[in-house]
PDB file of all heavy atoms in Angstrom:
ATOM      1  N   SER A   1      -2.056  -1.113   7.777  1.00  0.00           N
ATOM      2  CA  SER A   1      -1.227  -0.984   6.577  1.00  0.00           C
ATOM      3  C   SER A   1       0.250  -0.740   6.875  1.00  0.00           C
ATOM      4  O   SER A   1       1.123  -1.282   6.188  1.00  0.00           O
ATOM      5  CB  SER A   1      -1.770   0.128   5.672  1.00  0.00           C
ATOM      6  OG  SER A   1      -1.774   1.365   6.345  1.00  0.00           O
ATOM      7  N   LYS A   2       0.564   0.074   7.878  1.00  0.00           N
ATOM      8  CA  LYS A   2       1.975   0.301   8.183  1.00  0.00           C
ATOM      9  C   LYS A   2       2.631  -0.982   8.661  1.00  0.00           C
ATOM     10  O   LYS A   2       3.773  -1.287   8.296  1.00  0.00           O
ATOM     11  CB  LYS A   2       2.138   1.396   9.231  1.00  0.00           C
ATOM     12  CG  LYS A   2       3.608   1.690   9.540  1.00  0.00           C
ATOM     13  CD  LYS A   2       3.770   2.789  10.559  1.00  0.00           C
ATOM     14  CE  LYS A   2       5.249   3.023  10.872  1.00  0.00           C
ATOM     15  NZ  LYS A   2       5.430   4.097  11.891  1.00  0.00           N
ATOM     16  N   SER A   3       1.926  -1.767   9.463  1.00  0.00           N
ATOM     17  CA  SER A   3       2.490  -3.027   9.933  1.00  0.00           C
ATOM     18  C   SER A   3       2.717  -3.988   8.773  1.00  0.00           C
ATOM     19  O   SER A   3       3.683  -4.760   8.774  1.00  0.00           O
ATOM     20  CB  SER A   3       1.580  -3.668  10.985  1.00  0.00           C
ATOM     21  OG  SER A   3       0.464  -4.321  10.417  1.00  0.00           O
ATOM     22  N   PHE A   4       1.832  -3.936   7.765  1.00  0.00           N
ATOM     23  CA  PHE A   4       2.001  -4.782   6.584  1.00  0.00           C
ATOM     24  C   PHE A   4       3.267  -4.368   5.833  1.00  0.00           C
ATOM     25  O   PHE A   4       4.047  -5.202   5.371  1.00  0.00           O
ATOM     26  CB  PHE A   4       0.768  -4.653   5.683  1.00  0.00           C
ATOM     27  CG  PHE A   4       0.530  -5.837   4.777  1.00  0.00           C
ATOM     28  CD1 PHE A   4      -0.623  -5.890   3.997  1.00  0.00           C
ATOM     29  CD2 PHE A   4       1.418  -6.886   4.687  1.00  0.00           C
ATOM     30  CE1 PHE A   4      -0.871  -6.970   3.151  1.00  0.00           C
ATOM     31  CE2 PHE A   4       1.195  -7.981   3.849  1.00  0.00           C
ATOM     32  CZ  PHE A   4       0.047  -8.009   3.085  1.00  0.00           C
ATOM     33  N   LYS A   5       3.472  -3.056   5.702  1.00  0.00           N
ATOM     34  CA  LYS A   5       4.675  -2.550   5.049  1.00  0.00           C
ATOM     35  C   LYS A   5       5.930  -3.018   5.781  1.00  0.00           C
ATOM     36  O   LYS A   5       6.889  -3.505   5.163  1.00  0.00           O
ATOM     37  CB  LYS A   5       4.637  -1.027   5.003  1.00  0.00           C
ATOM     38  CG  LYS A   5       5.948  -0.388   4.568  1.00  0.00           C
ATOM     39  CD  LYS A   5       5.958   1.109   4.843  1.00  0.00           C
ATOM     40  CE  LYS A   5       7.335   1.689   4.528  1.00  0.00           C
ATOM     41  NZ  LYS A   5       7.403   3.149   4.821  1.00  0.00           N
ATOM     42  N   LEU A   6       5.946  -2.862   7.109  1.00  0.00           N
ATOM     43  CA  LEU A   6       7.117  -3.267   7.883  1.00  0.00           C
ATOM     44  C   LEU A   6       7.363  -4.766   7.788  1.00  0.00           C
ATOM     45  O   LEU A   6       8.519  -5.218   7.709  1.00  0.00           O
ATOM     46  CB  LEU A   6       6.936  -2.854   9.351  1.00  0.00           C
ATOM     47  CG  LEU A   6       6.853  -1.347   9.618  1.00  0.00           C
ATOM     48  CD1 LEU A   6       6.560  -1.092  11.095  1.00  0.00           C
ATOM     49  CD2 LEU A   6       8.145  -0.663   9.201  1.00  0.00           C
ATOM     50  N   TYR A   7       6.284  -5.530   7.791  1.00  0.00           N
ATOM     51  CA  TYR A   7       6.394  -6.988   7.642  1.00  0.00           C
ATOM     52  C   TYR A   7       7.010  -7.351   6.298  1.00  0.00           C
ATOM     53  O   TYR A   7       7.951  -8.167   6.226  1.00  0.00           O
ATOM     54  CB  TYR A   7       5.012  -7.607   7.789  1.00  0.00           C
ATOM     55  CG  TYR A   7       4.875  -9.016   7.260  1.00  0.00           C
ATOM     56  CD1 TYR A   7       5.424 -10.102   7.933  1.00  0.00           C
ATOM     57  CD2 TYR A   7       4.185  -9.265   6.061  1.00  0.00           C
ATOM     58  CE1 TYR A   7       5.298 -11.398   7.446  1.00  0.00           C
ATOM     59  CE2 TYR A   7       4.050 -10.549   5.570  1.00  0.00           C
ATOM     60  CZ  TYR A   7       4.608 -11.612   6.261  1.00  0.00           C
ATOM     61  OH  TYR A   7       4.468 -12.888   5.760  1.00  0.00           O
ATOM     62  N   LEU A   8       6.514  -6.769   5.214  1.00  0.00           N
ATOM     63  CA  LEU A   8       7.056  -7.078   3.887  1.00  0.00           C
ATOM     64  C   LEU A   8       8.520  -6.657   3.776  1.00  0.00           C
ATOM     65  O   LEU A   8       9.337  -7.352   3.172  1.00  0.00           O
ATOM     66  CB  LEU A   8       6.220  -6.397   2.806  1.00  0.00           C
ATOM     67  CG  LEU A   8       4.787  -6.921   2.642  1.00  0.00           C
ATOM     68  CD1 LEU A   8       4.028  -6.091   1.615  1.00  0.00           C
ATOM     69  CD2 LEU A   8       4.770  -8.396   2.244  1.00  0.00           C
ATOM     70  N   ASN A   9       8.869  -5.523   4.381  1.00  0.00           N
ATOM     71  CA  ASN A   9      10.260  -5.080   4.339  1.00  0.00           C
ATOM     72  C   ASN A   9      11.184  -5.977   5.148  1.00  0.00           C
ATOM     73  O   ASN A   9      12.398  -5.998   4.911  1.00  0.00           O
ATOM     74  CB  ASN A   9      10.367  -3.636   4.849  1.00  0.00           C
ATOM     75  CG  ASN A   9      10.068  -2.615   3.775  1.00  0.00           C
ATOM     76  OD1 ASN A   9      10.479  -2.767   2.626  1.00  0.00           O
ATOM     77  ND2 ASN A   9       9.351  -1.566   4.133  1.00  0.00           N
ATOM     78  N   SER A  10      10.621  -6.736   6.086  1.00  0.00           N
ATOM     79  CA  SER A  10      11.466  -7.621   6.899  1.00  0.00           C
ATOM     80  C   SER A  10      12.000  -8.796   6.087  1.00  0.00           C
ATOM     81  O   SER A  10      12.903  -9.497   6.541  1.00  0.00           O
ATOM     82  CB  SER A  10      10.687  -8.125   8.123  1.00  0.00           C
ATOM     83  OG  SER A  10       9.787  -9.178   7.799  1.00  0.00           O
ATOM     84  N   PHE A  11      11.472  -9.013   4.889  1.00  0.00           N
ATOM     85  CA  PHE A  11      11.989 -10.071   4.019  1.00  0.00           C
ATOM     86  C   PHE A  11      13.339  -9.684   3.391  1.00  0.00           C
ATOM     87  O   PHE A  11      14.043 -10.539   2.860  1.00  0.00           O
ATOM     88  CB  PHE A  11      10.992 -10.371   2.891  1.00  0.00           C
ATOM     89  CG  PHE A  11       9.808 -11.192   3.314  1.00  0.00           C
ATOM     90  CD1 PHE A  11       8.770 -10.642   4.047  1.00  0.00           C
ATOM     91  CD2 PHE A  11       9.709 -12.540   2.963  1.00  0.00           C
ATOM     92  CE1 PHE A  11       7.674 -11.390   4.435  1.00  0.00           C
ATOM     93  CE2 PHE A  11       8.617 -13.303   3.347  1.00  0.00           C
ATOM     94  CZ  PHE A  11       7.598 -12.724   4.090  1.00  0.00           C
ATOM     95  N   ASN A  12      13.679  -8.407   3.420  1.00  0.00           N
ATOM     96  CA  ASN A  12      14.767  -7.881   2.596  1.00  0.00           C
ATOM     97  C   ASN A  12      16.096  -8.614   2.743  1.00  0.00           C
ATOM     98  O   ASN A  12      16.797  -8.846   1.759  1.00  0.00           O
ATOM     99  CB  ASN A  12      14.988  -6.396   2.900  1.00  0.00           C
ATOM    100  CG  ASN A  12      13.859  -5.528   2.393  1.00  0.00           C
ATOM    101  OD1 ASN A  12      13.010  -5.980   1.627  1.00  0.00           O
ATOM    102  ND2 ASN A  12      13.843  -4.269   2.823  1.00  0.00           N
ATOM    103  N   GLN A  13      16.465  -8.950   3.962  1.00  0.00           N
ATOM    104  CA  GLN A  13      17.782  -9.546   4.187  1.00  0.00           C
ATOM    105  C   GLN A  13      17.697 -11.021   4.590  1.00  0.00           C
ATOM    106  O   GLN A  13      18.646 -11.571   5.143  1.00  0.00           O
ATOM    107  CB  GLN A  13      18.552  -8.761   5.246  1.00  0.00           C
ATOM    108  CG  GLN A  13      19.026  -7.385   4.794  1.00  0.00           C
ATOM    109  CD  GLN A  13      19.945  -7.468   3.587  1.00  0.00           C
ATOM    110  OE1 GLN A  13      19.627  -6.944   2.526  1.00  0.00           O
ATOM    111  NE2 GLN A  13      21.073  -8.142   3.738  1.00  0.00           N
ATOM    112  N   SER A  14      16.574 -11.646   4.287  1.00  0.00           N
ATOM    113  CA  SER A  14      16.422 -13.077   4.562  1.00  0.00           C
ATOM    114  C   SER A  14      16.450 -13.863   3.262  1.00  0.00           C
ATOM    115  O   SER A  14      16.004 -13.366   2.210  1.00  0.00           O
ATOM    116  CB  SER A  14      15.103 -13.343   5.300  1.00  0.00           C
ATOM    117  OG  SER A  14      15.128 -12.766   6.586  1.00  0.00           O
ATOM    118  N   GLN A  15      16.951 -15.085   3.328  1.00  0.00           N
ATOM    119  CA  GLN A  15      17.086 -15.918   2.135  1.00  0.00           C
ATOM    120  C   GLN A  15      15.899 -16.884   2.007  1.00  0.00           C
ATOM    121  O   GLN A  15      15.481 -17.503   2.988  1.00  0.00           O
ATOM    122  CB  GLN A  15      18.389 -16.716   2.177  1.00  0.00           C
ATOM    123  CG  GLN A  15      19.634 -15.853   2.067  1.00  0.00           C
ATOM    124  CD  GLN A  15      20.907 -16.687   1.940  1.00  0.00           C
ATOM    125  OE1 GLN A  15      20.879 -17.915   1.997  1.00  0.00           O
ATOM    126  NE2 GLN A  15      22.031 -16.011   1.751  1.00  0.00           N
ATOM    127  N   PHE A  16      15.386 -16.988   0.778  1.00  0.00           N
ATOM    128  CA  PHE A  16      14.305 -17.919   0.469  1.00  0.00           C
ATOM    129  C   PHE A  16      14.599 -18.578  -0.867  1.00  0.00           C
ATOM    130  O   PHE A  16      15.210 -17.975  -1.753  1.00  0.00           O
ATOM    131  CB  PHE A  16      12.953 -17.181   0.429  1.00  0.00           C
ATOM    132  CG  PHE A  16      12.593 -16.509   1.717  1.00  0.00           C
ATOM    133  CD1 PHE A  16      12.862 -15.159   1.909  1.00  0.00           C
ATOM    134  CD2 PHE A  16      12.013 -17.225   2.758  1.00  0.00           C
ATOM    135  CE1 PHE A  16      12.542 -14.528   3.095  1.00  0.00           C
ATOM    136  CE2 PHE A  16      11.689 -16.603   3.958  1.00  0.00           C
ATOM    137  CZ  PHE A  16      11.963 -15.254   4.131  1.00  0.00           C
ATOM    138  N   GLU A  17      14.132 -19.799  -0.994  1.00  0.00           N
ATOM    139  CA  GLU A  17      14.464 -20.598  -2.168  1.00  0.00           C
ATOM    140  C   GLU A  17      13.835 -20.061  -3.449  1.00  0.00           C
ATOM    141  O   GLU A  17      14.428 -20.142  -4.518  1.00  0.00           O
ATOM    142  CB  GLU A  17      14.008 -22.047  -1.956  1.00  0.00           C
ATOM    143  CG  GLU A  17      14.827 -22.823  -0.939  1.00  0.00           C
ATOM    144  CD  GLU A  17      16.217 -23.164  -1.458  1.00  0.00           C
ATOM    145  OE1 GLU A  17      16.399 -23.168  -2.694  1.00  0.00           O
ATOM    146  OE2 GLU A  17      17.101 -23.412  -0.632  1.00  0.00           O
ATOM    147  N   SER A  18      12.618 -19.520  -3.355  1.00  0.00           N
ATOM    148  CA  SER A  18      11.910 -19.157  -4.584  1.00  0.00           C
ATOM    149  C   SER A  18      10.778 -18.187  -4.281  1.00  0.00           C
ATOM    150  O   SER A  18      10.398 -17.974  -3.119  1.00  0.00           O
ATOM    151  CB  SER A  18      11.327 -20.412  -5.245  1.00  0.00           C
ATOM    152  OG  SER A  18      10.328 -20.988  -4.411  1.00  0.00           O
ATOM    153  N   MET A  19      10.207 -17.639  -5.346  1.00  0.00           N
ATOM    154  CA  MET A  19       9.041 -16.774  -5.220  1.00  0.00           C
ATOM    155  C   MET A  19       7.860 -17.539  -4.647  1.00  0.00           C
ATOM    156  O   MET A  19       7.064 -17.009  -3.868  1.00  0.00           O
ATOM    157  CB  MET A  19       8.681 -16.184  -6.595  1.00  0.00           C
ATOM    158  CG  MET A  19       7.527 -15.203  -6.563  1.00  0.00           C
ATOM    159  SD  MET A  19       7.116 -14.557  -8.222  1.00  0.00           S
ATOM    160  CE  MET A  19       8.599 -13.598  -8.571  1.00  0.00           C
ATOM    161  N   GLU A  20       7.738 -18.808  -5.021  1.00  0.00           N
ATOM    162  CA  GLU A  20       6.640 -19.635  -4.526  1.00  0.00           C
ATOM    163  C   GLU A  20       6.722 -19.810  -3.017  1.00  0.00           C
ATOM    164  O   GLU A  20       5.695 -19.806  -2.323  1.00  0.00           O
ATOM    165  CB  GLU A  20       6.647 -20.994  -5.227  1.00  0.00           C
ATOM    166  CG  GLU A  20       6.264 -20.959  -6.702  1.00  0.00           C
ATOM    167  CD  GLU A  20       7.332 -20.345  -7.582  1.00  0.00           C
ATOM    168  OE1 GLU A  20       8.521 -20.384  -7.203  1.00  0.00           O
ATOM    169  OE2 GLU A  20       6.964 -19.794  -8.655  1.00  0.00           O
ATOM    170  N   VAL A  21       7.924 -19.960  -2.496  1.00  0.00           N
ATOM    171  CA  VAL A  21       8.098 -20.101  -1.048  1.00  0.00           C
ATOM    172  C   VAL A  21       7.682 -18.823  -0.341  1.00  0.00           C
ATOM    173  O   VAL A  21       6.978 -18.849   0.685  1.00  0.00           O
ATOM    174  CB  VAL A  21       9.566 -20.451  -0.716  1.00  0.00           C
ATOM    175  CG1 VAL A  21       9.813 -20.341   0.787  1.00  0.00           C
ATOM    176  CG2 VAL A  21       9.899 -21.851  -1.208  1.00  0.00           C
ATOM    177  N   VAL A  22       8.082 -17.681  -0.878  1.00  0.00           N
ATOM    178  CA  VAL A  22       7.718 -16.396  -0.277  1.00  0.00           C
ATOM    179  C   VAL A  22       6.202 -16.221  -0.293  1.00  0.00           C
ATOM    180  O   VAL A  22       5.596 -15.796   0.696  1.00  0.00           O
ATOM    181  CB  VAL A  22       8.410 -15.238  -1.014  1.00  0.00           C
ATOM    182  CG1 VAL A  22       7.893 -13.888  -0.507  1.00  0.00           C
ATOM    183  CG2 VAL A  22       9.917 -15.323  -0.838  1.00  0.00           C
ATOM    184  N   SER A  23       5.564 -16.553  -1.406  1.00  0.00           N
ATOM    185  CA  SER A  23       4.112 -16.452  -1.513  1.00  0.00           C
ATOM    186  C   SER A  23       3.419 -17.307  -0.463  1.00  0.00           C
ATOM    187  O   SER A  23       2.456 -16.867   0.191  1.00  0.00           O
ATOM    188  CB  SER A  23       3.656 -16.875  -2.913  1.00  0.00           C
ATOM    189  OG  SER A  23       2.258 -16.852  -3.023  1.00  0.00           O
ATOM    190  N   THR A  24       3.891 -18.514  -0.278  1.00  0.00           N
ATOM    191  CA  THR A  24       3.309 -19.427   0.718  1.00  0.00           C
ATOM    192  C   THR A  24       3.455 -18.880   2.128  1.00  0.00           C
ATOM    193  O   THR A  24       2.533 -18.977   2.953  1.00  0.00           O
ATOM    194  CB  THR A  24       3.982 -20.809   0.612  1.00  0.00           C
ATOM    195  OG1 THR A  24       3.748 -21.357  -0.693  1.00  0.00           O
ATOM    196  CG2 THR A  24       3.434 -21.764   1.657  1.00  0.00           C
ATOM    197  N   ILE A  25       4.600 -18.272   2.418  1.00  0.00           N
ATOM    198  CA  ILE A  25       4.843 -17.726   3.751  1.00  0.00           C
ATOM    199  C   ILE A  25       3.904 -16.546   4.031  1.00  0.00           C
ATOM    200  O   ILE A  25       3.298 -16.452   5.103  1.00  0.00           O
ATOM    201  CB  ILE A  25       6.317 -17.292   3.895  1.00  0.00           C
ATOM    202  CG1 ILE A  25       7.223 -18.522   3.913  1.00  0.00           C
ATOM    203  CG2 ILE A  25       6.516 -16.458   5.160  1.00  0.00           C
ATOM    204  CD1 ILE A  25       8.695 -18.206   3.853  1.00  0.00           C
ATOM    205  N   ILE A  26       3.774 -15.640   3.062  1.00  0.00           N
ATOM    206  CA  ILE A  26       2.890 -14.476   3.258  1.00  0.00           C
ATOM    207  C   ILE A  26       1.447 -14.942   3.440  1.00  0.00           C
ATOM    208  O   ILE A  26       0.720 -14.446   4.322  1.00  0.00           O
ATOM    209  CB  ILE A  26       3.006 -13.502   2.075  1.00  0.00           C
ATOM    210  CG1 ILE A  26       4.424 -12.956   1.962  1.00  0.00           C
ATOM    211  CG2 ILE A  26       2.005 -12.353   2.236  1.00  0.00           C
ATOM    212  CD1 ILE A  26       4.671 -12.105   0.735  1.00  0.00           C
ATOM    213  N   LYS A  27       1.025 -15.904   2.630  1.00  0.00           N
ATOM    214  CA  LYS A  27      -0.338 -16.430   2.755  1.00  0.00           C
ATOM    215  C   LYS A  27      -0.553 -17.046   4.131  1.00  0.00           C
ATOM    216  O   LYS A  27      -1.604 -16.833   4.761  1.00  0.00           O
ATOM    217  CB  LYS A  27      -0.591 -17.471   1.662  1.00  0.00           C
ATOM    218  CG  LYS A  27      -1.982 -18.090   1.715  1.00  0.00           C
ATOM    219  CD  LYS A  27      -2.185 -19.072   0.571  1.00  0.00           C
ATOM    220  CE  LYS A  27      -3.585 -19.690   0.629  1.00  0.00           C
ATOM    221  NZ  LYS A  27      -3.808 -20.632  -0.492  1.00  0.00           N
ATOM    222  N   ARG A  28       0.412 -17.787   4.618  1.00  0.00           N
ATOM    223  CA  ARG A  28       0.302 -18.412   5.940  1.00  0.00           C
ATOM    224  C   ARG A  28       0.227 -17.365   7.043  1.00  0.00           C
ATOM    225  O   ARG A  28      -0.628 -17.435   7.940  1.00  0.00           O
ATOM    226  CB  ARG A  28       1.516 -19.312   6.173  1.00  0.00           C
ATOM    227  CG  ARG A  28       1.543 -20.011   7.532  1.00  0.00           C
ATOM    228  CD  ARG A  28       2.928 -20.524   7.831  1.00  0.00           C
ATOM    229  NE  ARG A  28       3.882 -19.424   8.028  1.00  0.00           N
ATOM    230  CZ  ARG A  28       5.206 -19.581   7.946  1.00  0.00           C
ATOM    231  NH1 ARG A  28       5.727 -20.763   7.666  1.00  0.00           N
ATOM    232  NH2 ARG A  28       6.008 -18.532   8.146  1.00  0.00           N
ATOM    233  N   ASP A  29       1.096 -16.350   6.962  1.00  0.00           N
ATOM    234  CA  ASP A  29       1.169 -15.352   8.031  1.00  0.00           C
ATOM    235  C   ASP A  29      -0.069 -14.452   8.058  1.00  0.00           C
ATOM    236  O   ASP A  29      -0.668 -14.233   9.126  1.00  0.00           O
ATOM    237  CB  ASP A  29       2.425 -14.491   7.860  1.00  0.00           C
ATOM    238  CG  ASP A  29       3.707 -15.269   8.101  1.00  0.00           C
ATOM    239  OD1 ASP A  29       3.637 -16.368   8.691  1.00  0.00           O
ATOM    240  OD2 ASP A  29       4.775 -14.777   7.693  1.00  0.00           O
ATOM    241  N   VAL A  30      -0.452 -13.923   6.894  1.00  0.00           N
ATOM    242  CA  VAL A  30      -1.595 -13.013   6.851  1.00  0.00           C
ATOM    243  C   VAL A  30      -2.896 -13.784   7.084  1.00  0.00           C
ATOM    244  O   VAL A  30      -3.778 -13.341   7.826  1.00  0.00           O
ATOM    245  CB  VAL A  30      -1.632 -12.242   5.520  1.00  0.00           C
ATOM    246  CG1 VAL A  30      -2.860 -11.333   5.455  1.00  0.00           C
ATOM    247  CG2 VAL A  30      -0.368 -11.414   5.347  1.00  0.00           C
ATOM    248  N   GLY A  31      -3.017 -14.940   6.447  1.00  0.00           N
ATOM    249  CA  GLY A  31      -4.207 -15.753   6.633  1.00  0.00           C
ATOM    250  C   GLY A  31      -4.364 -16.219   8.068  1.00  0.00           C
ATOM    251  O   GLY A  31      -5.469 -16.237   8.619  1.00  0.00           O
ATOM    252  N   GLY A  32      -3.258 -16.586   8.701  1.00  0.00           N
ATOM    253  CA  GLY A  32      -3.306 -17.007  10.092  1.00  0.00           C
ATOM    254  C   GLY A  32      -3.672 -15.866  11.018  1.00  0.00           C
ATOM    255  O   GLY A  32      -4.425 -16.030  11.978  1.00  0.00           O
ATOM    256  N   LEU A  33      -3.136 -14.690  10.727  1.00  0.00           N
ATOM    257  CA  LEU A  33      -3.428 -13.512  11.536  1.00  0.00           C
ATOM    258  C   LEU A  33      -4.915 -13.164  11.497  1.00  0.00           C
ATOM    259  O   LEU A  33      -5.532 -12.861  12.522  1.00  0.00           O
ATOM    260  CB  LEU A  33      -2.615 -12.329  11.024  1.00  0.00           C
ATOM    261  CG  LEU A  33      -2.763 -11.008  11.770  1.00  0.00           C
ATOM    262  CD1 LEU A  33      -1.996 -11.037  13.081  1.00  0.00           C
ATOM    263  CD2 LEU A  33      -2.285  -9.842  10.895  1.00  0.00           C
ATOM    264  N   LEU A  34      -5.501 -13.235  10.283  1.00  0.00           N
ATOM    265  CA  LEU A  34      -6.905 -12.852  10.101  1.00  0.00           C
ATOM    266  C   LEU A  34      -7.858 -14.024  10.246  1.00  0.00           C
ATOM    267  O   LEU A  34      -9.076 -13.826  10.235  1.00  0.00           O
ATOM    268  CB  LEU A  34      -7.089 -12.217   8.717  1.00  0.00           C
ATOM    269  CG  LEU A  34      -6.300 -10.932   8.453  1.00  0.00           C
ATOM    270  CD1 LEU A  34      -6.530 -10.468   7.019  1.00  0.00           C
ATOM    271  CD2 LEU A  34      -6.685  -9.838   9.440  1.00  0.00           C
ATOM    272  N   GLN A  35      -7.297 -15.239  10.359  1.00  0.00           N
ATOM    273  CA  GLN A  35      -8.122 -16.454  10.414  1.00  0.00           C
ATOM    274  C   GLN A  35      -9.063 -16.508   9.214  1.00  0.00           C
ATOM    275  O   GLN A  35     -10.282 -16.688   9.356  1.00  0.00           O
ATOM    276  CB  GLN A  35      -8.905 -16.495  11.724  1.00  0.00           C
ATOM    277  CG  GLN A  35      -8.044 -16.642  12.971  1.00  0.00           C
ATOM    278  CD  GLN A  35      -7.290 -17.976  12.990  1.00  0.00           C
ATOM    279  OE1 GLN A  35      -7.891 -19.044  13.071  1.00  0.00           O
ATOM    280  NE2 GLN A  35      -5.965 -17.916  12.910  1.00  0.00           N
ATOM    281  N   ALA A  36      -8.469 -16.335   8.020  1.00  0.00           N
ATOM    282  CA  ALA A  36      -9.270 -16.261   6.795  1.00  0.00           C
ATOM    283  C   ALA A  36      -8.462 -16.788   5.619  1.00  0.00           C
ATOM    284  O   ALA A  36      -7.226 -16.767   5.631  1.00  0.00           O
ATOM    285  CB  ALA A  36      -9.696 -14.824   6.526  1.00  0.00           C
ATOM    286  N   PRO A  37      -9.159 -17.252   4.571  1.00  0.00           N
ATOM    287  CA  PRO A  37      -8.478 -17.751   3.370  1.00  0.00           C
ATOM    288  C   PRO A  37      -8.049 -16.612   2.450  1.00  0.00           C
ATOM    289  O   PRO A  37      -8.739 -16.271   1.484  1.00  0.00           O
ATOM    290  CB  PRO A  37      -9.550 -18.620   2.704  1.00  0.00           C
ATOM    291  CG  PRO A  37     -10.841 -17.970   3.097  1.00  0.00           C
ATOM    292  CD  PRO A  37     -10.630 -17.424   4.490  1.00  0.00           C
ATOM    293  N   VAL A  38      -6.928 -15.985   2.742  1.00  0.00           N
ATOM    294  CA  VAL A  38      -6.437 -14.913   1.883  1.00  0.00           C
ATOM    295  C   VAL A  38      -5.766 -15.516   0.647  1.00  0.00           C
ATOM    296  O   VAL A  38      -5.329 -16.670   0.653  1.00  0.00           O
ATOM    297  CB  VAL A  38      -5.443 -14.002   2.631  1.00  0.00           C
ATOM    298  CG1 VAL A  38      -6.076 -13.431   3.885  1.00  0.00           C
ATOM    299  CG2 VAL A  38      -4.162 -14.748   2.964  1.00  0.00           C
ATOM    300  N   VAL A  39      -5.704 -14.724  -0.420  1.00  0.00           N
ATOM    301  CA  VAL A  39      -5.062 -15.154  -1.658  1.00  0.00           C
ATOM    302  C   VAL A  39      -3.857 -14.250  -1.903  1.00  0.00           C
ATOM    303  O   VAL A  39      -3.984 -13.027  -1.890  1.00  0.00           O
ATOM    304  CB  VAL A  39      -6.028 -15.080  -2.851  1.00  0.00           C
ATOM    305  CG1 VAL A  39      -5.309 -15.478  -4.145  1.00  0.00           C
ATOM    306  CG2 VAL A  39      -7.241 -15.975  -2.614  1.00  0.00           C
ATOM    307  N   ILE A  40      -2.700 -14.858  -2.108  1.00  0.00           N
ATOM    308  CA  ILE A  40      -1.476 -14.108  -2.389  1.00  0.00           C
ATOM    309  C   ILE A  40      -0.986 -14.464  -3.785  1.00  0.00           C
ATOM    310  O   ILE A  40      -0.767 -15.641  -4.095  1.00  0.00           O
ATOM    311  CB  ILE A  40      -0.368 -14.412  -1.365  1.00  0.00           C
ATOM    312  CG1 ILE A  40      -0.829 -14.098   0.056  1.00  0.00           C
ATOM    313  CG2 ILE A  40       0.910 -13.642  -1.718  1.00  0.00           C
ATOM    314  CD1 ILE A  40      -1.122 -12.648   0.316  1.00  0.00           C
ATOM    315  N   ASP A  41      -0.828 -13.447  -4.624  1.00  0.00           N
ATOM    316  CA  ASP A  41      -0.266 -13.626  -5.963  1.00  0.00           C
ATOM    317  C   ASP A  41       0.969 -12.740  -6.073  1.00  0.00           C
ATOM    318  O   ASP A  41       0.907 -11.542  -5.772  1.00  0.00           O
ATOM    319  CB  ASP A  41      -1.271 -13.223  -7.047  1.00  0.00           C
ATOM    320  CG  ASP A  41      -2.544 -14.064  -7.009  1.00  0.00           C
ATOM    321  OD1 ASP A  41      -2.424 -15.285  -7.205  1.00  0.00           O
ATOM    322  OD2 ASP A  41      -3.621 -13.492  -6.791  1.00  0.00           O
ATOM    323  N   LEU A  42       2.082 -13.328  -6.488  1.00  0.00           N
ATOM    324  CA  LEU A  42       3.302 -12.564  -6.708  1.00  0.00           C
ATOM    325  C   LEU A  42       3.610 -12.527  -8.202  1.00  0.00           C
ATOM    326  O   LEU A  42       3.391 -13.501  -8.921  1.00  0.00           O
ATOM    327  CB  LEU A  42       4.482 -13.180  -5.949  1.00  0.00           C
ATOM    328  CG  LEU A  42       4.368 -13.241  -4.418  1.00  0.00           C
ATOM    329  CD1 LEU A  42       5.684 -13.710  -3.807  1.00  0.00           C
ATOM    330  CD2 LEU A  42       3.963 -11.893  -3.841  1.00  0.00           C
TER     331      LEU A  42
END
């Protein structure tokens, strides 16, 4: 959980086009880490 918090906070000063892009990135990173179909809703 702490690593998840630090990961989410790392978005703070980075630029992204939209909420949909951010959602896709989190799904890719967490899903890839766990090798599982995670669902991300923002």
